[in-house]
Amino acid sequence: MRVYILRFRSESRLHAAFDLVLESPHVASCMIEATEARIRFLAPTHAADALVEQIYLAGGLVCCSRHDIDPTPERALGAAEDPATLASARR
């Protein structure tokens, strides 16, 4: 999964891109920050990359950052909650 943060030059481009994000069946979560002219969304990597390319080609995208995340909650929480890891850390 990948989180994208997109910043736009104008409000009209922001809203047009947000419509594309909302229409995508692959987007798991999205948020618009109108004051900062930003959109944040979460989607599978391949689908997210294709969507951002489409948004980029439409114009108005000023900045884009992306962050890969681990889709499994257990791994995202880390090994600190694993009893074996806790036991070895206490020794």
PDB file of N, CA and C in Angstrom:
ATOM      1  N   MET A   1       0.856  -1.178   0.000  1.00  0.00           N
ATOM      2  CA  MET A   1       0.000   0.000   0.000  1.00  0.00           C
ATOM      3  C   MET A   1       0.896   1.234   0.000  1.00  0.00           C
ATOM      4  N   ARG A   2       0.350   2.295  -0.514  1.00  0.00           N
ATOM      5  CA  ARG A   2       1.115   3.537  -0.615  1.00  0.00           C
ATOM      6  C   ARG A   2       0.236   4.713  -0.212  1.00  0.00           C
ATOM      7  N   VAL A   3       0.814   5.625   0.559  1.00  0.00           N
ATOM      8  CA  VAL A   3       0.164   6.882   0.918  1.00  0.00           C
ATOM      9  C   VAL A   3       0.755   7.973   0.035  1.00  0.00           C
ATOM     10  N   TYR A   4      -0.095   8.733  -0.583  1.00  0.00           N
ATOM     11  CA  TYR A   4       0.326   9.869  -1.388  1.00  0.00           C
ATOM     12  C   TYR A   4      -0.163  11.154  -0.745  1.00  0.00           C
ATOM     13  N   ILE A   5       0.668  12.177  -0.814  1.00  0.00           N
ATOM     14  CA  ILE A   5       0.286  13.529  -0.414  1.00  0.00           C
ATOM     15  C   ILE A   5       0.554  14.412  -1.625  1.00  0.00           C
ATOM     16  N   LEU A   6      -0.504  14.996  -2.156  1.00  0.00           N
ATOM     17  CA  LEU A   6      -0.422  15.814  -3.362  1.00  0.00           C
ATOM     18  C   LEU A   6      -0.791  17.255  -3.037  1.00  0.00           C
ATOM     19  N   ARG A   7       0.014  18.191  -3.534  1.00  0.00           N
ATOM     20  CA  ARG A   7      -0.269  19.613  -3.330  1.00  0.00           C
ATOM     21  C   ARG A   7      -0.484  20.257  -4.694  1.00  0.00           C
ATOM     22  N   PHE A   8      -1.456  21.165  -4.770  1.00  0.00           N
ATOM     23  CA  PHE A   8      -1.873  21.732  -6.049  1.00  0.00           C
ATOM     24  C   PHE A   8      -1.701  23.236  -6.115  1.00  0.00           C
ATOM     25  N   ARG A   9      -1.617  23.718  -7.349  1.00  0.00           N
ATOM     26  CA  ARG A   9      -1.410  25.131  -7.633  1.00  0.00           C
ATOM     27  C   ARG A   9      -2.695  25.937  -7.439  1.00  0.00           C
ATOM     28  N   SER A  10      -3.829  25.344  -7.774  1.00  0.00           N
ATOM     29  CA  SER A  10      -5.090  26.093  -7.701  1.00  0.00           C
ATOM     30  C   SER A  10      -6.191  25.236  -7.104  1.00  0.00           C
ATOM     31  N   GLU A  11      -7.201  25.916  -6.633  1.00  0.00           N
ATOM     32  CA  GLU A  11      -8.345  25.228  -6.036  1.00  0.00           C
ATOM     33  C   GLU A  11      -9.099  24.391  -7.072  1.00  0.00           C
ATOM     34  N   SER A  12      -9.185  24.884  -8.294  1.00  0.00           N
ATOM     35  CA  SER A  12      -9.898  24.127  -9.333  1.00  0.00           C
ATOM     36  C   SER A  12      -9.175  22.814  -9.643  1.00  0.00           C
ATOM     37  N   ARG A  13      -7.838  22.837  -9.694  1.00  0.00           N
ATOM     38  CA  ARG A  13      -7.062  21.611  -9.931  1.00  0.00           C
ATOM     39  C   ARG A  13      -7.176  20.657  -8.740  1.00  0.00           C
ATOM     40  N   LEU A  14      -7.205  21.219  -7.560  1.00  0.00           N
ATOM     41  CA  LEU A  14      -7.370  20.410  -6.344  1.00  0.00           C
ATOM     42  C   LEU A  14      -8.690  19.642  -6.405  1.00  0.00           C
ATOM     43  N   HIS A  15      -9.768  20.337  -6.725  1.00  0.00           N
ATOM     44  CA  HIS A  15     -11.084  19.690  -6.754  1.00  0.00           C
ATOM     45  C   HIS A  15     -11.208  18.689  -7.896  1.00  0.00           C
ATOM     46  N   ALA A  16     -10.610  18.991  -9.037  1.00  0.00           N
ATOM     47  CA  ALA A  16     -10.644  18.047 -10.158  1.00  0.00           C
ATOM     48  C   ALA A  16      -9.897  16.759  -9.797  1.00  0.00           C
ATOM     49  N   ALA A  17      -8.751  16.908  -9.143  1.00  0.00           N
ATOM     50  CA  ALA A  17      -7.975  15.732  -8.732  1.00  0.00           C
ATOM     51  C   ALA A  17      -8.716  14.948  -7.653  1.00  0.00           C
ATOM     52  N   PHE A  18      -9.357  15.654  -6.739  1.00  0.00           N
ATOM     53  CA  PHE A  18     -10.102  14.975  -5.680  1.00  0.00           C
ATOM     54  C   PHE A  18     -11.235  14.144  -6.268  1.00  0.00           C
ATOM     55  N   ASP A  19     -11.881  14.648  -7.317  1.00  0.00           N
ATOM     56  CA  ASP A  19     -12.921  13.873  -7.995  1.00  0.00           C
ATOM     57  C   ASP A  19     -12.352  12.578  -8.570  1.00  0.00           C
ATOM     58  N   LEU A  20     -11.162  12.654  -9.165  1.00  0.00           N
ATOM     59  CA  LEU A  20     -10.520  11.447  -9.702  1.00  0.00           C
ATOM     60  C   LEU A  20     -10.199  10.448  -8.592  1.00  0.00           C
ATOM     61  N   VAL A  21      -9.709  10.951  -7.482  1.00  0.00           N
ATOM     62  CA  VAL A  21      -9.374  10.072  -6.348  1.00  0.00           C
ATOM     63  C   VAL A  21     -10.633   9.392  -5.820  1.00  0.00           C
ATOM     64  N   LEU A  22     -11.703  10.163  -5.664  1.00  0.00           N
ATOM     65  CA  LEU A  22     -12.964   9.597  -5.155  1.00  0.00           C
ATOM     66  C   LEU A  22     -13.555   8.556  -6.100  1.00  0.00           C
ATOM     67  N   GLU A  23     -13.360   8.744  -7.396  1.00  0.00           N
ATOM     68  CA  GLU A  23     -13.912   7.809  -8.386  1.00  0.00           C
ATOM     69  C   GLU A  23     -13.126   6.504  -8.478  1.00  0.00           C
ATOM     70  N   SER A  24     -11.899   6.501  -7.985  1.00  0.00           N
ATOM     71  CA  SER A  24     -11.068   5.303  -8.106  1.00  0.00           C
ATOM     72  C   SER A  24     -11.565   4.199  -7.176  1.00  0.00           C
ATOM     73  N   PRO A  25     -11.787   3.008  -7.701  1.00  0.00           N
ATOM     74  CA  PRO A  25     -12.225   1.898  -6.852  1.00  0.00           C
ATOM     75  C   PRO A  25     -11.097   1.341  -5.984  1.00  0.00           C
ATOM     76  N   HIS A  26      -9.862   1.764  -6.246  1.00  0.00           N
ATOM     77  CA  HIS A  26      -8.706   1.231  -5.524  1.00  0.00           C
ATOM     78  C   HIS A  26      -8.356   2.027  -4.273  1.00  0.00           C
ATOM     79  N   VAL A  27      -8.866   3.238  -4.158  1.00  0.00           N
ATOM     80  CA  VAL A  27      -8.513   4.101  -3.030  1.00  0.00           C
ATOM     81  C   VAL A  27      -9.225   3.625  -1.774  1.00  0.00           C
ATOM     82  N   ALA A  28      -8.426   3.319  -0.757  1.00  0.00           N
ATOM     83  CA  ALA A  28      -8.973   2.815   0.507  1.00  0.00           C
ATOM     84  C   ALA A  28      -9.412   3.955   1.415  1.00  0.00           C
ATOM     85  N   SER A  29      -8.726   5.084   1.342  1.00  0.00           N
ATOM     86  CA  SER A  29      -9.020   6.218   2.199  1.00  0.00           C
ATOM     87  C   SER A  29      -8.495   7.476   1.540  1.00  0.00           C
ATOM     88  N   CYS A  30      -9.202   8.591   1.712  1.00  0.00           N
ATOM     89  CA  CYS A  30      -8.703   9.848   1.170  1.00  0.00           C
ATOM     90  C   CYS A  30      -9.196  11.013   2.015  1.00  0.00           C
ATOM     91  N   MET A  31      -8.450  12.114   1.909  1.00  0.00           N
ATOM     92  CA  MET A  31      -8.782  13.313   2.671  1.00  0.00           C
ATOM     93  C   MET A  31      -8.341  14.524   1.856  1.00  0.00           C
ATOM     94  N   ILE A  32      -9.162  15.548   1.867  1.00  0.00           N
ATOM     95  CA  ILE A  32      -8.797  16.792   1.195  1.00  0.00           C
ATOM     96  C   ILE A  32      -8.530  17.841   2.271  1.00  0.00           C
ATOM     97  N   GLU A  33      -7.465  18.595   2.088  1.00  0.00           N
ATOM     98  CA  GLU A  33      -7.112  19.701   2.975  1.00  0.00           C
ATOM     99  C   GLU A  33      -7.162  20.962   2.120  1.00  0.00           C
ATOM    100  N   ALA A  34      -8.337  21.561   2.026  1.00  0.00           N
ATOM    101  CA  ALA A  34      -8.569  22.666   1.101  1.00  0.00           C
ATOM    102  C   ALA A  34      -7.696  23.875   1.409  1.00  0.00           C
ATOM    103  N   THR A  35      -7.487  24.193   2.664  1.00  0.00           N
ATOM    104  CA  THR A  35      -6.688  25.357   3.036  1.00  0.00           C
ATOM    105  C   THR A  35      -5.261  25.237   2.525  1.00  0.00           C
ATOM    106  N   GLU A  36      -4.703  24.026   2.591  1.00  0.00           N
ATOM    107  CA  GLU A  36      -3.331  23.787   2.137  1.00  0.00           C
ATOM    108  C   GLU A  36      -3.266  23.317   0.688  1.00  0.00           C
ATOM    109  N   ALA A  37      -4.411  23.181   0.046  1.00  0.00           N
ATOM    110  CA  ALA A  37      -4.512  22.672  -1.331  1.00  0.00           C
ATOM    111  C   ALA A  37      -3.842  21.309  -1.462  1.00  0.00           C
ATOM    112  N   ARG A  38      -4.172  20.395  -0.519  1.00  0.00           N
ATOM    113  CA  ARG A  38      -3.573  19.061  -0.505  1.00  0.00           C
ATOM    114  C   ARG A  38      -4.629  17.978  -0.487  1.00  0.00           C
ATOM    115  N   ILE A  39      -4.230  16.850  -1.061  1.00  0.00           N
ATOM    116  CA  ILE A  39      -5.012  15.617  -0.990  1.00  0.00           C
ATOM    117  C   ILE A  39      -4.089  14.538  -0.452  1.00  0.00           C
ATOM    118  N   ARG A  40      -4.606  13.745   0.462  1.00  0.00           N
ATOM    119  CA  ARG A  40      -3.898  12.565   0.954  1.00  0.00           C
ATOM    120  C   ARG A  40      -4.777  11.362   0.640  1.00  0.00           C
ATOM    121  N   PHE A  41      -4.157  10.297   0.127  1.00  0.00           N
ATOM    122  CA  PHE A  41      -4.940   9.092  -0.104  1.00  0.00           C
ATOM    123  C   PHE A  41      -4.080   7.850   0.037  1.00  0.00           C
ATOM    124  N   LEU A  42      -4.762   6.738   0.272  1.00  0.00           N
ATOM    125  CA  LEU A  42      -4.138   5.439   0.473  1.00  0.00           C
ATOM    126  C   LEU A  42      -4.698   4.473  -0.559  1.00  0.00           C
ATOM    127  N   ALA A  43      -3.792   3.774  -1.256  1.00  0.00           N
ATOM    128  CA  ALA A  43      -4.209   2.814  -2.285  1.00  0.00           C
ATOM    129  C   ALA A  43      -3.081   1.818  -2.523  1.00  0.00           C
ATOM    130  N   PRO A  44      -3.397   0.690  -3.148  1.00  0.00           N
ATOM    131  CA  PRO A  44      -2.332  -0.241  -3.535  1.00  0.00           C
ATOM    132  C   PRO A  44      -1.328   0.471  -4.441  1.00  0.00           C
ATOM    133  N   THR A  45      -0.069   0.114  -4.305  1.00  0.00           N
ATOM    134  CA  THR A  45       1.021   0.830  -4.975  1.00  0.00           C
ATOM    135  C   THR A  45       0.798   1.024  -6.474  1.00  0.00           C
ATOM    136  N   HIS A  46       0.512  -0.037  -7.193  1.00  0.00           N
ATOM    137  CA  HIS A  46       0.367   0.074  -8.653  1.00  0.00           C
ATOM    138  C   HIS A  46      -0.785   1.005  -9.026  1.00  0.00           C
ATOM    139  N   ALA A  47      -1.910   0.846  -8.358  1.00  0.00           N
ATOM    140  CA  ALA A  47      -3.077   1.690  -8.646  1.00  0.00           C
ATOM    141  C   ALA A  47      -2.806   3.146  -8.262  1.00  0.00           C
ATOM    142  N   ALA A  48      -2.128   3.366  -7.144  1.00  0.00           N
ATOM    143  CA  ALA A  48      -1.809   4.722  -6.701  1.00  0.00           C
ATOM    144  C   ALA A  48      -0.888   5.409  -7.697  1.00  0.00           C
ATOM    145  N   ASP A  49       0.134   4.699  -8.165  1.00  0.00           N
ATOM    146  CA  ASP A  49       1.057   5.276  -9.141  1.00  0.00           C
ATOM    147  C   ASP A  49       0.326   5.677 -10.421  1.00  0.00           C
ATOM    148  N   ALA A  50      -0.561   4.821 -10.908  1.00  0.00           N
ATOM    149  CA  ALA A  50      -1.310   5.119 -12.132  1.00  0.00           C
ATOM    150  C   ALA A  50      -2.230   6.323 -11.935  1.00  0.00           C
ATOM    151  N   LEU A  51      -2.858   6.402 -10.773  1.00  0.00           N
ATOM    152  CA  LEU A  51      -3.760   7.519 -10.483  1.00  0.00           C
ATOM    153  C   LEU A  51      -2.986   8.833 -10.412  1.00  0.00           C
ATOM    154  N   VAL A  52      -1.843   8.829  -9.766  1.00  0.00           N
ATOM    155  CA  VAL A  52      -1.048  10.056  -9.661  1.00  0.00           C
ATOM    156  C   VAL A  52      -0.517  10.482 -11.032  1.00  0.00           C
ATOM    157  N   GLU A  53      -0.171   9.532 -11.864  1.00  0.00           N
ATOM    158  CA  GLU A  53       0.270   9.881 -13.218  1.00  0.00           C
ATOM    159  C   GLU A  53      -0.862  10.566 -13.979  1.00  0.00           C
ATOM    160  N   GLN A  54      -2.067  10.056 -13.834  1.00  0.00           N
ATOM    161  CA  GLN A  54      -3.229  10.664 -14.490  1.00  0.00           C
ATOM    162  C   GLN A  54      -3.450  12.088 -13.965  1.00  0.00           C
ATOM    163  N   ILE A  55      -3.331  12.269 -12.661  1.00  0.00           N
ATOM    164  CA  ILE A  55      -3.504  13.595 -12.053  1.00  0.00           C
ATOM    165  C   ILE A  55      -2.400  14.543 -12.532  1.00  0.00           C
ATOM    166  N   TYR A  56      -1.174  14.050 -12.588  1.00  0.00           N
ATOM    167  CA  TYR A  56      -0.044  14.855 -13.047  1.00  0.00           C
ATOM    168  C   TYR A  56      -0.258  15.335 -14.487  1.00  0.00           C
ATOM    169  N   LEU A  57      -0.693  14.429 -15.344  1.00  0.00           N
ATOM    170  CA  LEU A  57      -0.897  14.779 -16.755  1.00  0.00           C
ATOM    171  C   LEU A  57      -2.024  15.800 -16.938  1.00  0.00           C
ATOM    172  N   ALA A  58      -2.970  15.848 -16.007  1.00  0.00           N
ATOM    173  CA  ALA A  58      -4.051  16.834 -16.079  1.00  0.00           C
ATOM    174  C   ALA A  58      -3.544  18.236 -15.741  1.00  0.00           C
ATOM    175  N   GLY A  59      -2.404  18.334 -15.046  1.00  0.00           N
ATOM    176  CA  GLY A  59      -1.797  19.618 -14.717  1.00  0.00           C
ATOM    177  C   GLY A  59      -2.184  20.140 -13.351  1.00  0.00           C
ATOM    178  N   GLY A  60      -1.362  21.076 -12.870  1.00  0.00           N
ATOM    179  CA  GLY A  60      -1.654  21.750 -11.612  1.00  0.00           C
ATOM    180  C   GLY A  60      -1.033  21.141 -10.376  1.00  0.00           C
ATOM    181  N   LEU A  61      -0.373  19.998 -10.519  1.00  0.00           N
ATOM    182  CA  LEU A  61       0.264  19.348  -9.379  1.00  0.00           C
ATOM    183  C   LEU A  61       1.599  20.049  -9.101  1.00  0.00           C
ATOM    184  N   VAL A  62       1.759  20.550  -7.875  1.00  0.00           N
ATOM    185  CA  VAL A  62       2.962  21.287  -7.497  1.00  0.00           C
ATOM    186  C   VAL A  62       3.976  20.384  -6.820  1.00  0.00           C
ATOM    187  N   CYS A  63       3.494  19.530  -5.938  1.00  0.00           N
ATOM    188  CA  CYS A  63       4.385  18.688  -5.146  1.00  0.00           C
ATOM    189  C   CYS A  63       3.697  17.350  -4.877  1.00  0.00           C
ATOM    190  N   CYS A  64       4.495  16.306  -4.849  1.00  0.00           N
ATOM    191  CA  CYS A  64       3.968  14.970  -4.598  1.00  0.00           C
ATOM    192  C   CYS A  64       4.947  14.212  -3.716  1.00  0.00           C
ATOM    193  N   SER A  65       4.453  13.639  -2.640  1.00  0.00           N
ATOM    194  CA  SER A  65       5.292  12.738  -1.847  1.00  0.00           C
ATOM    195  C   SER A  65       4.552  11.420  -1.688  1.00  0.00           C
ATOM    196  N   ARG A  66       5.322  10.354  -1.577  1.00  0.00           N
ATOM    197  CA  ARG A  66       4.700   9.038  -1.432  1.00  0.00           C
ATOM    198  C   ARG A  66       5.464   8.254  -0.384  1.00  0.00           C
ATOM    199  N   HIS A  67       4.716   7.421   0.308  1.00  0.00           N
ATOM    200  CA  HIS A  67       5.287   6.625   1.383  1.00  0.00           C
ATOM    201  C   HIS A  67       4.685   5.230   1.333  1.00  0.00           C
ATOM    202  N   ASP A  68       5.530   4.236   1.204  1.00  0.00           N
ATOM    203  CA  ASP A  68       5.049   2.857   1.241  1.00  0.00           C
ATOM    204  C   ASP A  68       4.779   2.472   2.684  1.00  0.00           C
ATOM    205  N   ILE A  69       3.696   1.729   2.872  1.00  0.00           N
ATOM    206  CA  ILE A  69       3.371   1.250   4.212  1.00  0.00           C
ATOM    207  C   ILE A  69       3.148  -0.253   4.161  1.00  0.00           C
ATOM    208  N   ASP A  70       3.325  -0.884   5.288  1.00  0.00           N
ATOM    209  CA  ASP A  70       3.086  -2.316   5.400  1.00  0.00           C
ATOM    210  C   ASP A  70       1.592  -2.513   5.613  1.00  0.00           C
ATOM    211  N   PRO A  71       0.931  -3.279   4.753  1.00  0.00           N
ATOM    212  CA  PRO A  71      -0.515  -3.430   4.849  1.00  0.00           C
ATOM    213  C   PRO A  71      -1.000  -4.310   6.002  1.00  0.00           C
ATOM    214  N   THR A  72      -0.088  -5.029   6.660  1.00  0.00           N
ATOM    215  CA  THR A  72      -0.527  -5.904   7.739  1.00  0.00           C
ATOM    216  C   THR A  72      -0.404  -5.183   9.076  1.00  0.00           C
ATOM    217  N   PRO A  73      -1.490  -5.039   9.813  1.00  0.00           N
ATOM    218  CA  PRO A  73      -1.453  -4.308  11.084  1.00  0.00           C
ATOM    219  C   PRO A  73      -0.461  -4.907  12.086  1.00  0.00           C
ATOM    220  N   GLU A  74      -0.315  -6.212  12.078  1.00  0.00           N
ATOM    221  CA  GLU A  74       0.592  -6.845  13.037  1.00  0.00           C
ATOM    222  C   GLU A  74       2.024  -6.394  12.807  1.00  0.00           C
ATOM    223  N   ARG A  75       2.438  -6.334  11.556  1.00  0.00           N
ATOM    224  CA  ARG A  75       3.802  -5.925  11.242  1.00  0.00           C
ATOM    225  C   ARG A  75       3.975  -4.424  11.433  1.00  0.00           C
ATOM    226  N   ALA A  76       2.912  -3.662  11.187  1.00  0.00           N
ATOM    227  CA  ALA A  76       3.001  -2.215  11.351  1.00  0.00           C
ATOM    228  C   ALA A  76       3.187  -1.842  12.821  1.00  0.00           C
ATOM    229  N   LEU A  77       2.621  -2.648  13.719  1.00  0.00           N
ATOM    230  CA  LEU A  77       2.772  -2.371  15.140  1.00  0.00           C
ATOM    231  C   LEU A  77       4.174  -2.687  15.639  1.00  0.00           C
ATOM    232  N   GLY A  78       4.876  -3.523  14.928  1.00  0.00           N
ATOM    233  CA  GLY A  78       6.254  -3.837  15.291  1.00  0.00           C
ATOM    234  C   GLY A  78       6.364  -5.098  16.104  1.00  0.00           C
ATOM    235  N   ALA A  79       7.583  -5.567  16.219  1.00  0.00           N
ATOM    236  CA  ALA A  79       7.853  -6.816  16.920  1.00  0.00           C
ATOM    237  C   ALA A  79       7.846  -6.658  18.435  1.00  0.00           C
ATOM    238  N   ALA A  80       7.757  -5.452  18.948  1.00  0.00           N
ATOM    239  CA  ALA A  80       7.799  -5.241  20.397  1.00  0.00           C
ATOM    240  C   ALA A  80       6.650  -5.938  21.119  1.00  0.00           C
ATOM    241  N   GLU A  81       5.564  -6.182  20.419  1.00  0.00           N
ATOM    242  CA  GLU A  81       4.431  -6.854  21.047  1.00  0.00           C
ATOM    243  C   GLU A  81       4.514  -8.367  20.930  1.00  0.00           C
ATOM    244  N   ASP A  82       5.505  -8.870  20.224  1.00  0.00           N
ATOM    245  CA  ASP A  82       5.705 -10.305  20.081  1.00  0.00           C
ATOM    246  C   ASP A  82       6.272 -10.854  21.393  1.00  0.00           C
ATOM    247  N   PRO A  83       5.612 -11.842  22.028  1.00  0.00           N
ATOM    248  CA  PRO A  83       6.084 -12.375  23.308  1.00  0.00           C
ATOM    249  C   PRO A  83       7.519 -12.889  23.251  1.00  0.00           C
ATOM    250  N   ALA A  84       7.927 -13.501  22.150  1.00  0.00           N
ATOM    251  CA  ALA A  84       9.293 -14.007  22.038  1.00  0.00           C
ATOM    252  C   ALA A  84      10.292 -12.845  22.052  1.00  0.00           C
ATOM    253  N   THR A  85       9.941 -11.759  21.386  1.00  0.00           N
ATOM    254  CA  THR A  85      10.826 -10.605  21.373  1.00  0.00           C
ATOM    255  C   THR A  85      10.903  -9.966  22.756  1.00  0.00           C
ATOM    256  N   LEU A  86       9.768  -9.882  23.434  1.00  0.00           N
ATOM    257  CA  LEU A  86       9.752  -9.318  24.778  1.00  0.00           C
ATOM    258  C   LEU A  86      10.582 -10.160  25.736  1.00  0.00           C
ATOM    259  N   ALA A  87      10.472 -11.490  25.620  1.00  0.00           N
ATOM    260  CA  ALA A  87      11.223 -12.380  26.511  1.00  0.00           C
ATOM    261  C   ALA A  87      12.716 -12.236  26.283  1.00  0.00           C
ATOM    262  N   SER A  88      13.153 -12.143  25.036  1.00  0.00           N
ATOM    263  CA  SER A  88      14.585 -12.010  24.770  1.00  0.00           C
ATOM    264  C   SER A  88      15.101 -10.640  25.184  1.00  0.00           C
ATOM    265  N   ALA A  89      14.249  -9.634  25.159  1.00  0.00           N
ATOM    266  CA  ALA A  89      14.673  -8.292  25.562  1.00  0.00           C
ATOM    267  C   ALA A  89      14.857  -8.196  27.069  1.00  0.00           C
ATOM    268  N   ARG A  90      14.150  -9.027  27.808  1.00  0.00           N
ATOM    269  CA  ARG A  90      14.257  -8.999  29.288  1.00  0.00           C
ATOM    270  C   ARG A  90      15.495  -9.709  29.800  1.00  0.00           C
ATOM    271  N   ARG A  91      16.102 -10.556  28.973  1.00  0.00           N
ATOM    272  CA  ARG A  91      17.273 -11.307  29.427  1.00  0.00           C
ATOM    273  C   ARG A  91      18.502 -10.474  29.529  1.00  0.00           C
TER     274      ARG A  91
END
